[in-house]
N, C-alpha and C. Protein backbone atom coordinates (compact mmCIF):
# COMPACT_ATOMS: atom_id res chain seq x y z
N MET A 1 21.69 41.12 16.31
CA MET A 1 21.26 39.80 16.76
C MET A 1 20.15 39.26 15.85
N ALA A 2 19.21 40.14 15.44
CA ALA A 2 18.13 39.72 14.57
C ALA A 2 18.66 39.30 13.20
N ASN A 3 19.67 40.03 12.67
CA ASN A 3 20.26 39.69 11.38
C ASN A 3 20.90 38.32 11.42
N GLN A 4 21.55 37.98 12.54
CA GLN A 4 22.16 36.67 12.68
C GLN A 4 21.09 35.59 12.66
N THR A 5 19.92 35.85 13.27
CA THR A 5 18.83 34.88 13.27
C THR A 5 18.31 34.67 11.85
N VAL A 6 18.12 35.76 11.12
CA VAL A 6 17.64 35.66 9.75
C VAL A 6 18.63 34.90 8.89
N LYS A 7 19.91 35.24 9.06
CA LYS A 7 20.94 34.56 8.28
C LYS A 7 20.97 33.08 8.62
N SER A 8 20.77 32.76 9.91
CA SER A 8 20.81 31.38 10.34
C SER A 8 19.67 30.58 9.72
N ILE A 9 18.45 31.12 9.72
CA ILE A 9 17.33 30.40 9.16
C ILE A 9 17.48 30.26 7.65
N GLY A 10 18.04 31.28 7.00
CA GLY A 10 18.26 31.19 5.55
C GLY A 10 19.28 30.11 5.22
N ASP A 11 20.37 30.09 5.95
CA ASP A 11 21.38 29.05 5.73
C ASP A 11 20.79 27.66 5.98
N TYR A 12 19.98 27.56 7.01
CA TYR A 12 19.41 26.25 7.37
C TYR A 12 18.48 25.76 6.27
N ILE A 13 17.65 26.65 5.75
CA ILE A 13 16.74 26.27 4.68
C ILE A 13 17.52 25.84 3.44
N ARG A 14 18.56 26.58 3.10
CA ARG A 14 19.36 26.22 1.93
C ARG A 14 20.04 24.86 2.13
N GLU A 15 20.59 24.63 3.32
CA GLU A 15 21.24 23.35 3.59
C GLU A 15 20.25 22.19 3.49
N GLN A 16 19.06 22.39 4.07
CA GLN A 16 18.05 21.33 4.00
C GLN A 16 17.60 21.10 2.55
N ARG A 17 17.50 22.14 1.78
CA ARG A 17 17.07 22.02 0.38
C ARG A 17 18.13 21.28 -0.45
N GLU A 18 19.40 21.62 -0.21
CA GLU A 18 20.47 20.98 -0.95
C GLU A 18 20.60 19.51 -0.56
N GLN A 19 20.43 19.21 0.72
CA GLN A 19 20.50 17.81 1.16
C GLN A 19 19.36 16.98 0.56
N ALA A 20 18.19 17.59 0.43
CA ALA A 20 17.04 16.90 -0.16
C ALA A 20 17.09 16.90 -1.68
N ARG A 21 18.07 17.61 -2.24
CA ARG A 21 18.23 17.70 -3.70
C ARG A 21 16.95 18.26 -4.35
N ILE A 22 16.52 19.37 -3.75
CA ILE A 22 15.35 20.07 -4.27
C ILE A 22 15.83 21.43 -4.79
N SER A 23 15.41 21.76 -5.98
CA SER A 23 15.83 23.04 -6.54
C SER A 23 15.07 24.17 -5.86
N MET A 24 15.61 25.37 -6.00
CA MET A 24 14.95 26.53 -5.39
C MET A 24 13.59 26.75 -6.01
N ARG A 25 13.47 26.51 -7.35
CA ARG A 25 12.19 26.71 -8.02
C ARG A 25 11.15 25.71 -7.50
N GLN A 26 11.55 24.46 -7.32
CA GLN A 26 10.63 23.45 -6.81
C GLN A 26 10.16 23.78 -5.39
N LEU A 27 11.10 24.21 -4.55
CA LEU A 27 10.73 24.55 -3.17
C LEU A 27 9.83 25.76 -3.14
N ALA A 28 10.09 26.73 -4.02
CA ALA A 28 9.25 27.93 -4.06
C ALA A 28 7.83 27.57 -4.48
N GLN A 29 7.70 26.68 -5.44
CA GLN A 29 6.36 26.25 -5.87
C GLN A 29 5.65 25.49 -4.75
N SER A 30 6.37 24.62 -4.03
CA SER A 30 5.75 23.84 -2.95
C SER A 30 5.33 24.75 -1.80
N ALA A 31 6.14 25.78 -1.54
CA ALA A 31 5.86 26.69 -0.42
C ALA A 31 4.87 27.78 -0.81
N GLY A 32 4.58 27.91 -2.10
CA GLY A 32 3.63 28.92 -2.54
C GLY A 32 4.21 30.32 -2.51
N VAL A 33 5.52 30.45 -2.72
CA VAL A 33 6.18 31.75 -2.76
C VAL A 33 6.94 31.87 -4.08
N SER A 34 7.33 33.08 -4.38
CA SER A 34 8.08 33.29 -5.61
C SER A 34 9.52 32.85 -5.45
N ASN A 35 10.12 32.56 -6.58
CA ASN A 35 11.53 32.14 -6.55
C ASN A 35 12.44 33.24 -6.01
N PRO A 36 12.28 34.51 -6.41
CA PRO A 36 13.13 35.58 -5.85
C PRO A 36 12.95 35.76 -4.33
N TYR A 37 11.69 35.59 -3.91
CA TYR A 37 11.43 35.74 -2.47
C TYR A 37 12.16 34.65 -1.67
N LEU A 38 12.11 33.42 -2.15
CA LEU A 38 12.81 32.33 -1.45
C LEU A 38 14.32 32.55 -1.49
N SER A 39 14.81 33.10 -2.62
CA SER A 39 16.24 33.39 -2.71
C SER A 39 16.66 34.43 -1.67
N GLN A 40 15.80 35.43 -1.47
CA GLN A 40 16.11 36.45 -0.47
C GLN A 40 16.10 35.85 0.96
N ILE A 41 15.21 34.90 1.19
CA ILE A 41 15.17 34.23 2.50
C ILE A 41 16.46 33.47 2.75
N GLU A 42 16.90 32.71 1.75
CA GLU A 42 18.12 31.91 1.92
C GLU A 42 19.36 32.79 2.07
N ARG A 43 19.34 33.97 1.47
CA ARG A 43 20.49 34.87 1.61
C ARG A 43 20.41 35.75 2.84
N GLY A 44 19.34 35.61 3.64
CA GLY A 44 19.22 36.38 4.88
C GLY A 44 18.73 37.78 4.67
N LEU A 45 18.12 38.06 3.52
CA LEU A 45 17.60 39.39 3.24
C LEU A 45 16.14 39.54 3.65
N ARG A 46 15.48 38.44 3.85
CA ARG A 46 14.07 38.44 4.23
C ARG A 46 13.88 37.57 5.47
N LYS A 47 12.99 38.00 6.34
CA LYS A 47 12.65 37.21 7.52
C LYS A 47 11.29 36.56 7.28
N PRO A 48 11.24 35.27 7.14
CA PRO A 48 9.97 34.61 6.82
C PRO A 48 9.05 34.57 8.04
N SER A 49 7.75 34.60 7.76
CA SER A 49 6.77 34.49 8.84
C SER A 49 6.58 33.02 9.20
N ALA A 50 5.80 32.79 10.26
CA ALA A 50 5.54 31.43 10.68
C ALA A 50 4.79 30.65 9.61
N ASP A 51 3.88 31.31 8.91
CA ASP A 51 3.13 30.63 7.86
C ASP A 51 4.03 30.23 6.70
N ILE A 52 4.93 31.12 6.32
CA ILE A 52 5.86 30.81 5.23
C ILE A 52 6.78 29.67 5.65
N LEU A 53 7.26 29.70 6.89
CA LEU A 53 8.13 28.62 7.37
C LEU A 53 7.38 27.29 7.37
N GLN A 54 6.10 27.34 7.71
CA GLN A 54 5.30 26.12 7.70
C GLN A 54 5.21 25.55 6.28
N GLN A 55 5.02 26.41 5.30
CA GLN A 55 4.92 25.96 3.91
C GLN A 55 6.28 25.45 3.42
N ILE A 56 7.35 26.14 3.82
CA ILE A 56 8.69 25.69 3.41
C ILE A 56 9.01 24.34 4.04
N ALA A 57 8.59 24.15 5.29
CA ALA A 57 8.83 22.87 5.97
C ALA A 57 8.11 21.75 5.23
N LYS A 58 6.89 22.01 4.75
CA LYS A 58 6.18 20.99 3.98
C LYS A 58 6.93 20.68 2.70
N GLY A 59 7.44 21.73 2.05
CA GLY A 59 8.18 21.50 0.81
C GLY A 59 9.46 20.73 1.05
N LEU A 60 10.11 20.95 2.19
CA LEU A 60 11.34 20.23 2.51
C LEU A 60 11.07 18.88 3.16
N ARG A 61 9.79 18.64 3.52
CA ARG A 61 9.37 17.41 4.20
C ARG A 61 10.11 17.23 5.54
N ILE A 62 10.16 18.33 6.26
CA ILE A 62 10.75 18.30 7.61
C ILE A 62 9.73 18.91 8.56
N SER A 63 10.04 18.82 9.85
CA SER A 63 9.16 19.38 10.86
C SER A 63 9.23 20.90 10.84
N ALA A 64 8.07 21.51 10.95
CA ALA A 64 8.05 22.97 11.02
C ALA A 64 8.71 23.46 12.30
N GLU A 65 8.69 22.62 13.35
CA GLU A 65 9.30 23.01 14.61
C GLU A 65 10.78 23.30 14.44
N ALA A 66 11.44 22.52 13.59
CA ALA A 66 12.87 22.74 13.37
C ALA A 66 13.12 24.13 12.79
N LEU A 67 12.26 24.57 11.89
CA LEU A 67 12.42 25.91 11.31
C LEU A 67 12.05 26.97 12.34
N TYR A 68 11.05 26.69 13.16
CA TYR A 68 10.67 27.67 14.20
C TYR A 68 11.82 27.88 15.19
N VAL A 69 12.50 26.80 15.53
CA VAL A 69 13.63 26.91 16.46
C VAL A 69 14.75 27.71 15.82
N GLN A 70 15.05 27.42 14.56
CA GLN A 70 16.13 28.15 13.87
C GLN A 70 15.79 29.63 13.72
N ALA A 71 14.52 29.92 13.56
CA ALA A 71 14.10 31.32 13.38
C ALA A 71 13.92 32.05 14.70
N GLY A 72 14.02 31.32 15.82
CA GLY A 72 13.86 31.94 17.12
C GLY A 72 12.42 32.10 17.54
N ILE A 73 11.49 31.48 16.80
CA ILE A 73 10.08 31.57 17.16
C ILE A 73 9.76 30.62 18.31
N LEU A 74 10.39 29.47 18.31
CA LEU A 74 10.14 28.45 19.34
C LEU A 74 11.46 28.11 20.00
N GLU A 75 11.42 28.02 21.33
CA GLU A 75 12.64 27.71 22.08
C GLU A 75 13.02 26.26 21.86
N ASP A 76 14.31 26.03 21.69
CA ASP A 76 14.80 24.68 21.45
C ASP A 76 14.73 23.86 22.73
N ARG A 77 14.20 22.67 22.64
CA ARG A 77 14.10 21.77 23.77
C ARG A 77 14.72 20.43 23.39
N PRO A 78 15.99 20.22 23.73
CA PRO A 78 16.64 18.97 23.35
C PRO A 78 15.96 17.74 23.94
N ALA A 79 15.53 17.82 25.20
CA ALA A 79 14.92 16.66 25.84
C ALA A 79 13.51 16.47 25.32
N ASP A 80 13.18 15.25 24.91
CA ASP A 80 11.87 14.95 24.37
C ASP A 80 11.28 13.79 25.15
N THR A 81 10.10 14.01 25.73
CA THR A 81 9.46 12.95 26.51
C THR A 81 8.57 12.07 25.63
N GLY A 82 8.47 12.37 24.37
CA GLY A 82 7.63 11.60 23.47
C GLY A 82 6.36 12.34 23.09
N VAL A 83 5.96 13.31 23.91
CA VAL A 83 4.74 14.05 23.62
C VAL A 83 4.92 14.92 22.38
N ARG A 84 6.02 15.60 22.30
CA ARG A 84 6.27 16.48 21.15
C ARG A 84 6.36 15.68 19.86
N SER A 85 7.05 14.54 19.97
CA SER A 85 7.18 13.69 18.77
C SER A 85 5.82 13.20 18.30
N ALA A 86 4.97 12.85 19.28
CA ALA A 86 3.64 12.38 18.92
C ALA A 86 2.81 13.50 18.28
N LEU A 87 2.94 14.70 18.83
CA LEU A 87 2.20 15.82 18.25
C LEU A 87 2.67 16.13 16.84
N LEU A 88 3.98 16.10 16.65
CA LEU A 88 4.52 16.41 15.34
C LEU A 88 4.17 15.33 14.31
N ALA A 89 3.98 14.11 14.77
CA ALA A 89 3.68 13.01 13.86
C ALA A 89 2.19 12.88 13.55
N ASP A 90 1.37 13.66 14.27
CA ASP A 90 -0.08 13.56 14.05
C ASP A 90 -0.44 14.27 12.74
N ALA A 91 -0.89 13.48 11.79
CA ALA A 91 -1.20 14.04 10.47
C ALA A 91 -2.51 14.82 10.47
N GLU A 92 -3.36 14.61 11.47
CA GLU A 92 -4.66 15.29 11.51
C GLU A 92 -4.56 16.71 12.06
N LEU A 93 -3.40 17.07 12.58
CA LEU A 93 -3.19 18.42 13.12
C LEU A 93 -2.43 19.27 12.11
N SER A 94 -2.79 20.53 12.06
CA SER A 94 -2.04 21.45 11.21
C SER A 94 -0.75 21.86 11.93
N GLU A 95 0.15 22.43 11.18
CA GLU A 95 1.43 22.84 11.76
C GLU A 95 1.21 23.90 12.85
N ARG A 96 0.29 24.79 12.63
CA ARG A 96 0.01 25.82 13.63
C ARG A 96 -0.58 25.19 14.89
N GLN A 97 -1.47 24.22 14.74
CA GLN A 97 -2.04 23.54 15.90
C GLN A 97 -0.95 22.78 16.67
N LYS A 98 -0.07 22.16 15.94
CA LYS A 98 1.04 21.46 16.59
C LYS A 98 1.89 22.43 17.40
N GLN A 99 2.18 23.59 16.81
CA GLN A 99 3.00 24.58 17.50
C GLN A 99 2.31 25.06 18.77
N VAL A 100 1.00 25.33 18.70
CA VAL A 100 0.26 25.81 19.86
C VAL A 100 0.26 24.77 20.97
N LEU A 101 0.01 23.52 20.60
CA LEU A 101 -0.03 22.45 21.59
C LEU A 101 1.34 22.24 22.24
N ILE A 102 2.37 22.34 21.44
CA ILE A 102 3.72 22.18 21.99
C ILE A 102 4.04 23.31 22.96
N GLU A 103 3.66 24.52 22.61
CA GLU A 103 3.91 25.66 23.50
C GLU A 103 3.14 25.50 24.81
N ILE A 104 1.88 25.03 24.74
CA ILE A 104 1.10 24.80 25.96
C ILE A 104 1.76 23.72 26.81
N TYR A 105 2.17 22.66 26.14
CA TYR A 105 2.83 21.55 26.85
C TYR A 105 4.10 22.03 27.55
N GLU A 106 4.90 22.83 26.87
CA GLU A 106 6.14 23.34 27.45
C GLU A 106 5.85 24.29 28.61
N SER A 107 4.77 25.06 28.51
CA SER A 107 4.43 25.98 29.61
C SER A 107 4.04 25.19 30.86
N PHE A 108 3.34 24.08 30.68
CA PHE A 108 3.01 23.23 31.83
C PHE A 108 4.27 22.64 32.45
N ARG A 109 5.21 22.23 31.62
CA ARG A 109 6.46 21.67 32.14
C ARG A 109 7.25 22.72 32.92
N LYS A 110 7.27 23.95 32.43
CA LYS A 110 7.96 25.03 33.14
C LYS A 110 7.30 25.28 34.49
N GLU A 111 5.97 25.29 34.51
CA GLU A 111 5.25 25.54 35.76
C GLU A 111 5.54 24.45 36.78
N ASN A 112 5.50 23.19 36.33
CA ASN A 112 5.78 22.08 37.25
C ASN A 112 7.22 22.12 37.75
N ALA A 113 8.14 22.50 36.88
CA ALA A 113 9.54 22.59 37.29
C ALA A 113 9.72 23.69 38.33
N ALA A 114 9.00 24.82 38.16
CA ALA A 114 9.09 25.91 39.13
C ALA A 114 8.54 25.48 40.48
N VAL A 115 7.43 24.72 40.47
CA VAL A 115 6.85 24.24 41.73
C VAL A 115 7.81 23.29 42.43
N ALA A 116 8.40 22.38 41.66
CA ALA A 116 9.36 21.43 42.24
C ALA A 116 10.57 22.15 42.82
N GLU A 117 11.03 23.18 42.13
CA GLU A 117 12.18 23.94 42.62
C GLU A 117 11.83 24.67 43.92
N ALA A 118 10.61 25.23 43.98
CA ALA A 118 10.19 25.92 45.20
C ALA A 118 10.08 24.95 46.37
N GLN A 119 9.56 23.75 46.11
CA GLN A 119 9.45 22.75 47.18
C GLN A 119 10.83 22.31 47.66
N ALA A 120 11.75 22.14 46.72
CA ALA A 120 13.11 21.77 47.11
C ALA A 120 13.77 22.85 47.94
N ALA A 121 13.53 24.12 47.59
CA ALA A 121 14.09 25.23 48.37
C ALA A 121 13.50 25.26 49.77
N GLU A 122 12.18 24.95 49.89
CA GLU A 122 11.54 24.94 51.20
C GLU A 122 12.11 23.82 52.08
N VAL A 123 12.31 22.66 51.48
CA VAL A 123 12.90 21.54 52.24
C VAL A 123 14.31 21.89 52.70
N ALA A 124 15.08 22.53 51.82
CA ALA A 124 16.44 22.93 52.19
C ALA A 124 16.43 23.94 53.33
N ALA A 125 15.46 24.87 53.30
CA ALA A 125 15.37 25.87 54.37
C ALA A 125 15.00 25.22 55.69
N GLN A 126 14.08 24.25 55.65
CA GLN A 126 13.71 23.54 56.88
C GLN A 126 14.89 22.75 57.44
N ALA A 127 15.65 22.12 56.56
CA ALA A 127 16.83 21.38 57.01
C ALA A 127 17.84 22.31 57.66
N ALA A 128 17.99 23.51 57.09
CA ALA A 128 18.92 24.48 57.67
C ALA A 128 18.45 24.93 59.04
N GLU A 129 17.13 25.12 59.22
CA GLU A 129 16.60 25.51 60.52
C GLU A 129 16.84 24.41 61.56
N VAL A 130 16.64 23.15 61.17
CA VAL A 130 16.87 22.04 62.09
C VAL A 130 18.34 21.98 62.49
N ALA A 131 19.22 22.16 61.52
CA ALA A 131 20.66 22.13 61.82
C ALA A 131 21.05 23.27 62.76
N GLU A 132 20.45 24.44 62.54
CA GLU A 132 20.76 25.59 63.41
C GLU A 132 20.27 25.35 64.83
N ALA A 133 19.05 24.76 64.96
CA ALA A 133 18.52 24.46 66.28
C ALA A 133 19.39 23.43 67.00
N ALA A 134 19.87 22.44 66.26
CA ALA A 134 20.74 21.43 66.86
C ALA A 134 22.05 22.04 67.33
N ALA A 135 22.58 22.97 66.55
CA ALA A 135 23.81 23.64 66.94
C ALA A 135 23.61 24.48 68.20
N GLU A 136 22.48 25.17 68.27
CA GLU A 136 22.20 25.96 69.47
C GLU A 136 22.04 25.07 70.70
N ALA A 137 21.36 23.93 70.53
CA ALA A 137 21.19 23.01 71.65
C ALA A 137 22.53 22.46 72.11
N ALA A 138 23.41 22.14 71.16
CA ALA A 138 24.73 21.65 71.53
C ALA A 138 25.53 22.71 72.27
N ALA A 139 25.41 23.97 71.82
CA ALA A 139 26.13 25.06 72.49
C ALA A 139 25.61 25.24 73.92
N GLU A 140 24.28 25.17 74.09
CA GLU A 140 23.72 25.32 75.45
C GLU A 140 24.16 24.16 76.35
N ALA A 141 24.20 22.95 75.81
CA ALA A 141 24.64 21.80 76.60
C ALA A 141 26.10 21.96 77.02
N THR A 142 26.93 22.46 76.11
CA THR A 142 28.33 22.68 76.44
C THR A 142 28.49 23.74 77.53
N ALA A 143 27.71 24.83 77.42
CA ALA A 143 27.78 25.88 78.44
C ALA A 143 27.32 25.36 79.79
N THR A 144 26.26 24.54 79.80
CA THR A 144 25.77 23.97 81.06
C THR A 144 26.81 23.06 81.70
N ALA A 145 27.47 22.24 80.87
CA ALA A 145 28.50 21.34 81.38
C ALA A 145 29.68 22.13 81.96
N MET A 146 30.07 23.20 81.29
CA MET A 146 31.17 24.02 81.79
C MET A 146 30.80 24.70 83.10
N ALA A 147 29.54 25.17 83.21
CA ALA A 147 29.11 25.81 84.45
C ALA A 147 29.09 24.82 85.60
N ALA A 148 28.64 23.58 85.32
CA ALA A 148 28.63 22.56 86.37
C ALA A 148 30.04 22.22 86.82
N THR A 149 30.97 22.16 85.88
CA THR A 149 32.36 21.88 86.23
C THR A 149 32.95 22.98 87.09
N THR A 150 32.63 24.23 86.75
CA THR A 150 33.13 25.37 87.53
C THR A 150 32.58 25.36 88.95
N GLN A 151 31.28 25.06 89.09
CA GLN A 151 30.68 25.01 90.42
C GLN A 151 31.26 23.89 91.25
N GLY A 152 31.55 22.74 90.64
CA GLY A 152 32.17 21.63 91.36
C GLY A 152 33.55 21.99 91.85
N ALA A 153 34.31 22.70 91.03
CA ALA A 153 35.65 23.11 91.44
C ALA A 153 35.59 24.09 92.61
N GLU A 154 34.60 25.00 92.57
CA GLU A 154 34.46 25.96 93.66
C GLU A 154 34.06 25.24 94.96
N ALA A 155 33.21 24.21 94.84
CA ALA A 155 32.81 23.47 96.04
C ALA A 155 34.00 22.76 96.66
N VAL A 156 34.88 22.20 95.85
CA VAL A 156 36.08 21.55 96.38
C VAL A 156 36.98 22.55 97.07
N ASP A 157 37.10 23.71 96.48
CA ASP A 157 37.94 24.74 97.09
C ASP A 157 37.37 25.20 98.42
N ASP A 158 36.04 25.27 98.58
CA ASP A 158 35.43 25.70 99.83
C ASP A 158 35.67 24.69 100.95
N GLY A 159 35.85 23.41 100.64
CA GLY A 159 36.08 22.39 101.66
C GLY A 159 37.51 22.31 102.11
N ARG A 160 38.38 23.04 101.48
CA ARG A 160 39.79 23.02 101.84
C ARG A 160 40.25 24.42 102.20
N PRO A 161 41.15 24.54 103.18
CA PRO A 161 41.67 25.89 103.51
C PRO A 161 42.54 26.40 102.39
N SER A 162 42.40 27.67 102.15
CA SER A 162 43.23 28.28 101.11
C SER A 162 44.64 28.51 101.64
N ARG A 163 45.51 28.83 100.72
CA ARG A 163 46.90 29.08 101.12
C ARG A 163 47.01 30.24 102.12
N LYS A 164 46.18 31.26 101.86
CA LYS A 164 46.26 32.44 102.73
C LYS A 164 45.78 32.09 104.14
N SER A 165 44.64 31.36 104.27
CA SER A 165 44.15 31.00 105.59
C SER A 165 45.08 30.01 106.28
N TRP A 166 45.69 29.12 105.52
CA TRP A 166 46.63 28.16 106.10
C TRP A 166 47.85 28.88 106.68
N SER A 167 48.36 29.86 105.97
CA SER A 167 49.52 30.63 106.46
C SER A 167 49.16 31.41 107.71
N ALA A 168 47.99 32.01 107.73
CA ALA A 168 47.56 32.78 108.91
C ALA A 168 47.42 31.87 110.12
N ALA A 169 46.86 30.68 109.91
CA ALA A 169 46.70 29.75 111.03
C ALA A 169 48.06 29.28 111.53
N THR A 170 48.97 29.04 110.61
CA THR A 170 50.32 28.61 111.02
C THR A 170 51.01 29.70 111.83
N ALA A 171 50.91 30.95 111.38
CA ALA A 171 51.53 32.05 112.11
C ALA A 171 50.90 32.23 113.49
N GLU A 172 49.59 32.05 113.56
CA GLU A 172 48.91 32.20 114.84
C GLU A 172 49.35 31.10 115.82
N ALA A 173 49.54 29.89 115.30
CA ALA A 173 50.00 28.77 116.15
C ALA A 173 51.41 29.03 116.66
N GLU A 174 52.25 29.54 115.77
CA GLU A 174 53.61 29.85 116.19
C GLU A 174 53.63 30.90 117.29
N LEU A 175 52.80 31.93 117.15
CA LEU A 175 52.73 32.98 118.18
C LEU A 175 52.24 32.40 119.50
N ALA A 176 51.28 31.50 119.42
CA ALA A 176 50.79 30.87 120.65
C ALA A 176 51.87 30.05 121.32
N ASP A 177 52.64 29.31 120.50
CA ASP A 177 53.74 28.52 121.07
C ASP A 177 54.77 29.41 121.73
N GLN A 178 55.10 30.51 121.08
CA GLN A 178 56.09 31.43 121.64
C GLN A 178 55.60 32.02 122.97
N ALA A 179 54.32 32.36 123.01
CA ALA A 179 53.76 32.93 124.25
C ALA A 179 53.80 31.91 125.38
N GLU A 180 53.50 30.66 125.04
CA GLU A 180 53.53 29.61 126.05
C GLU A 180 54.95 29.40 126.57
N LEU A 181 55.91 29.38 125.66
CA LEU A 181 57.31 29.24 126.07
C LEU A 181 57.74 30.40 126.95
N ALA A 182 57.30 31.61 126.65
CA ALA A 182 57.66 32.77 127.46
C ALA A 182 57.08 32.66 128.86
N ASP A 183 55.86 32.16 128.97
CA ASP A 183 55.25 31.97 130.29
C ASP A 183 56.00 30.94 131.10
N GLN A 184 56.39 29.86 130.44
CA GLN A 184 57.15 28.83 131.15
C GLN A 184 58.49 29.37 131.64
N ALA A 185 59.14 30.14 130.80
CA ALA A 185 60.44 30.70 131.19
C ALA A 185 60.28 31.67 132.35
N GLU A 186 59.22 32.42 132.35
CA GLU A 186 59.00 33.39 133.42
C GLU A 186 58.74 32.68 134.74
N GLN A 187 58.01 31.57 134.66
CA GLN A 187 57.74 30.83 135.88
C GLN A 187 59.01 30.16 136.43
N ALA A 188 59.88 29.76 135.56
CA ALA A 188 61.10 29.08 136.00
C ALA A 188 62.14 30.06 136.52
N GLU A 189 62.12 31.30 136.19
CA GLU A 189 63.13 32.31 136.57
C GLU A 189 62.88 32.76 138.01
N PRO A 190 63.95 32.90 138.90
CA PRO A 190 63.78 33.38 140.29
C PRO A 190 63.19 34.75 140.31
N SER A 191 62.33 34.98 141.30
CA SER A 191 61.64 36.27 141.37
C SER A 191 62.47 37.34 142.08
N GLY A 192 63.64 36.94 142.81
CA GLY A 192 64.44 37.94 143.54
C GLY A 192 64.02 38.07 144.98
N ASN A 193 62.97 37.37 145.45
CA ASN A 193 62.49 37.41 146.84
C ASN A 193 63.19 36.32 147.62
N ALA A 194 63.78 36.65 148.75
CA ALA A 194 64.53 35.65 149.52
C ALA A 194 63.65 34.57 150.01
N ASP A 195 62.41 34.90 150.23
CA ASP A 195 61.50 33.86 150.72
C ASP A 195 61.28 32.80 149.68
N ASP A 196 61.47 33.21 148.47
CA ASP A 196 61.22 32.23 147.39
C ASP A 196 62.41 31.41 147.08
N VAL A 197 63.63 31.78 147.61
CA VAL A 197 64.86 31.05 147.27
C VAL A 197 65.04 29.96 148.29
N PRO A 198 65.20 28.74 147.88
CA PRO A 198 65.41 27.65 148.87
C PRO A 198 66.70 27.83 149.64
N GLY A 199 66.68 27.48 150.93
CA GLY A 199 67.89 27.57 151.80
C GLY A 199 68.19 28.96 152.26
N GLN A 200 67.37 29.91 151.87
CA GLN A 200 67.61 31.30 152.23
C GLN A 200 66.66 31.77 153.32
N ASN A 201 65.94 30.83 153.92
CA ASN A 201 65.02 31.25 154.98
C ASN A 201 65.81 31.59 156.26
N VAL A 202 65.86 32.81 156.63
CA VAL A 202 66.63 33.28 157.81
C VAL A 202 65.62 33.52 158.94
N PRO A 203 65.82 32.86 160.00
CA PRO A 203 64.87 33.08 161.12
C PRO A 203 64.91 34.53 161.59
N PRO A 204 63.86 34.98 161.90
CA PRO A 204 63.83 36.40 162.34
C PRO A 204 64.60 36.60 163.61
N ILE A 205 65.19 37.69 163.74
CA ILE A 205 65.98 38.04 164.93
C ILE A 205 65.01 38.51 165.98
N GLY A 206 65.09 37.76 167.16
CA GLY A 206 64.18 38.12 168.21
C GLY A 206 64.67 39.19 169.11
C-alpha cells in the first residue's frame, strides 16, 4: 500500500512538471534537491518528506496541499467552504503554517459533525420512545374496549333466560299440566260407592 502511495505521488509530480513544461533539472533547482533525487521520487523509488513536497510545490507553482493529499499526508476534502482556499491563497503564511491551520480547521469540522450526529441520534431515539408509548396506549385502549364489550354481552345474557333454564321451565310446566289433568280425571271418575251414584239411593229396609 505504501509503495502505491509513493508511486502515485511520483507520477503526479511528473505529470504536473510535464504539463508546466518544466524540465527535471529546473524543478530540482527550484526545490533545492539534486536531479537524481528528484528522478527517484518521480519513479517511486523515494518517498519525499513534507518539506521536500513543499519545495516541489513551489517549483511547480501549485498548492502544497495537492501534493500532501497525493502523498497521503493530508486527507482529501472535496468540499470547500472557502476557508481552505483563503488559507492557501494567503501569501504571508508558509506552506507548513497553511497545512497546520487546515488540519485544525478540519478537526473542528469533524467535531461539529460528530456533535450534530449525536444530537440527531438522540432526537431519533426520543421519537421512537414516543411512538412506542403511543402504540402501548392504543393497545390498552383496544383491550379496554374489548373488555367493555364482553361485559355488556354478559349483562344482556343475564337478563334473558338461557336455553337450559327455558327448557327446564317448559318441562316443569308440562308436568304441572299433566298433574292437573290427572286430578280432574280422578274427580270425574265414579268412586264405586252406591251412595255416590245418582238414582242408586235405595231406601233402607225397615
